[in-house]
C-alpha atoms as a PDB file:
ATOM      1  CA  MET A   1      31.142  14.455  -3.204  1.00  0.00           C
ATOM      2  CA  GLY A   2      32.467  13.283  -6.564  1.00  0.00           C
ATOM      3  CA  LYS A   3      34.848  14.867  -9.207  1.00  0.00           C
ATOM      4  CA  THR A   4      33.368  18.243 -10.829  1.00  0.00           C
ATOM      5  CA  PHE A   5      33.079  18.539 -14.348  1.00  0.00           C
ATOM      6  CA  ARG A   6      32.841  21.093 -16.584  1.00  0.00           C
ATOM      7  CA  ILE A   7      30.969  20.590 -19.830  1.00  0.00           C
ATOM      8  CA  THR A   8      29.915  22.907 -22.428  1.00  0.00           C
ATOM      9  CA  PHE A   9      26.385  22.913 -24.432  1.00  0.00           C
ATOM     10  CA  SER A  10      24.515  25.090 -26.813  1.00  0.00           C
ATOM     11  CA  ASN A  11      21.729  26.963 -25.514  1.00  0.00           C
ATOM     12  CA  LEU A  12      19.196  24.453 -27.279  1.00  0.00           C
ATOM     13  CA  ASP A  13      20.934  21.435 -26.198  1.00  0.00           C
ATOM     14  CA  LEU A  14      21.097  22.760 -22.647  1.00  0.00           C
ATOM     15  CA  LEU A  15      17.279  23.513 -22.733  1.00  0.00           C
ATOM     16  CA  GLN A  16      16.781  19.949 -24.044  1.00  0.00           C
ATOM     17  CA  LEU A  17      18.659  18.630 -21.401  1.00  0.00           C
ATOM     18  CA  LEU A  18      16.817  20.668 -18.685  1.00  0.00           C
ATOM     19  CA  ASP A  19      13.346  19.337 -20.172  1.00  0.00           C
ATOM     20  CA  GLY A  20      14.638  15.664 -20.175  1.00  0.00           C
ATOM     21  CA  LEU A  21      15.403  16.201 -16.277  1.00  0.00           C
ATOM     22  CA  ALA A  22      12.284  17.964 -15.321  1.00  0.00           C
ATOM     23  CA  LEU A  23      10.218  14.711 -17.088  1.00  0.00           C
ATOM     24  CA  ARG A  24      12.286  12.640 -15.023  1.00  0.00           C
ATOM     25  CA  ALA A  25      11.479  14.578 -11.911  1.00  0.00           C
ATOM     26  CA  GLU A  26       7.925  14.597 -12.768  1.00  0.00           C
ATOM     27  CA  SER A  27       7.795  10.910 -13.301  1.00  0.00           C
ATOM     28  CA  TRP A  28       9.292  10.159 -10.050  1.00  0.00           C
ATOM     29  CA  GLU A  29       6.866  12.817  -8.177  1.00  0.00           C
ATOM     30  CA  ARG A  30       3.913  11.020  -9.962  1.00  0.00           C
ATOM     31  CA  THR A  31       5.374   7.542  -8.726  1.00  0.00           C
ATOM     32  CA  ALA A  32       5.594   9.065  -5.042  1.00  0.00           C
ATOM     33  CA  SER A  33       1.891   9.937  -5.432  1.00  0.00           C
ATOM     34  CA  TYR A  34       0.796   6.976  -6.609  1.00  0.00           C
ATOM     35  CA  LEU A  35       2.429   4.537  -3.846  1.00  0.00           C
ATOM     36  CA  ARG A  36       0.966   7.170  -1.324  1.00  0.00           C
ATOM     37  CA  THR A  37      -2.547   7.120  -2.746  1.00  0.00           C
ATOM     38  CA  GLN A  38      -3.077   4.109  -5.058  1.00  0.00           C
ATOM     39  CA  GLU A  39      -4.722   6.074  -7.642  1.00  0.00           C
ATOM     40  CA  MET A  40      -4.033   6.945 -11.014  1.00  0.00           C
ATOM     41  CA  PRO A  41      -4.852  10.348 -12.548  1.00  0.00           C
ATOM     42  CA  HIS A  42      -7.707   9.600 -14.811  1.00  0.00           C
ATOM     43  CA  ASP A  43      -6.649  12.233 -17.289  1.00  0.00           C
ATOM     44  CA  GLU A  44      -3.100  11.139 -18.057  1.00  0.00           C
ATOM     45  CA  PHE A  45      -0.895   8.261 -18.673  1.00  0.00           C
ATOM     46  CA  PHE A  46       2.542   7.577 -16.948  1.00  0.00           C
ATOM     47  CA  LEU A  47       4.553   4.873 -16.174  1.00  0.00           C
ATOM     48  CA  ILE A  48       5.208   4.119 -12.309  1.00  0.00           C
ATOM     49  CA  GLU A  49       9.177   3.904 -11.580  1.00  0.00           C
ATOM     50  CA  GLU A  50      10.548   1.009  -9.774  1.00  0.00           C
ATOM     51  CA  CYS A  51      11.335   1.771  -6.104  1.00  0.00           C
ATOM     52  CA  SER A  52      10.589   0.527  -2.666  1.00  0.00           C
ATOM     53  CA  SER A  53       8.791   3.626  -1.105  1.00  0.00           C
ATOM     54  CA  PRO A  54       7.161   7.061  -1.690  1.00  0.00           C
ATOM     55  CA  GLU A  55       9.947   8.179   0.338  1.00  0.00           C
ATOM     56  CA  GLU A  56      12.503   7.014  -2.034  1.00  0.00           C
ATOM     57  CA  ALA A  57      10.617   8.158  -4.937  1.00  0.00           C
ATOM     58  CA  GLU A  58      10.438  11.501  -3.379  1.00  0.00           C
ATOM     59  CA  ASN A  59      14.113  11.549  -2.875  1.00  0.00           C
ATOM     60  CA  ILE A  60      15.008  10.737  -6.162  1.00  0.00           C
ATOM     61  CA  ALA A  61      12.561  13.655  -7.726  1.00  0.00           C
ATOM     62  CA  ALA A  62      14.308  15.827  -5.268  1.00  0.00           C
ATOM     63  CA  HIS A  63      17.735  15.286  -6.707  1.00  0.00           C
ATOM     64  CA  TYR A  64      16.490  15.735 -10.311  1.00  0.00           C
ATOM     65  CA  ARG A  65      15.066  19.015  -9.059  1.00  0.00           C
ATOM     66  CA  SER A  66      18.682  19.961  -7.570  1.00  0.00           C
ATOM     67  CA  ILE A  67      20.527  19.342 -10.681  1.00  0.00           C
ATOM     68  CA  ILE A  68      17.857  21.330 -12.540  1.00  0.00           C
ATOM     69  CA  LYS A  69      18.328  24.210  -9.828  1.00  0.00           C
ATOM     70  CA  LYS A  70      21.953  24.017 -10.256  1.00  0.00           C
ATOM     71  CA  ILE A  71      21.965  24.074 -13.832  1.00  0.00           C
ATOM     72  CA  ASN A  72      19.706  27.061 -13.799  1.00  0.00           C
ATOM     73  CA  GLN A  73      21.571  28.929 -11.458  1.00  0.00           C
ATOM     74  CA  GLN A  74      24.912  28.439 -13.443  1.00  0.00           C
ATOM     75  CA  MET A  75      22.785  29.754 -16.646  1.00  0.00           C
ATOM     76  CA  GLU A  76      21.710  32.752 -14.941  1.00  0.00           C
ATOM     77  CA  GLY A  77      25.230  33.458 -13.664  1.00  0.00           C
ATOM     78  CA  GLN A  78      26.412  33.441 -17.661  1.00  0.00           C
ATOM     79  CA  ARG A  79      23.829  36.092 -18.898  1.00  0.00           C
END
């Protein structure tokens, strides 16, 4: 594991950061689904991320979700 950083954000900035991370995770989850089914959802548009397999896309999505979880846990610890 790499170096650990402590960074301070305002509540609004942190919520914006979490929103952006959630959008990235969702994009990778949709990419994994597309790679498995080769079907695009008819009711929404998204860009397929570049990767070599559904498993790779799922791993990237899981990493984003783990970052979100860590941030949420730290936020809860400070309330």
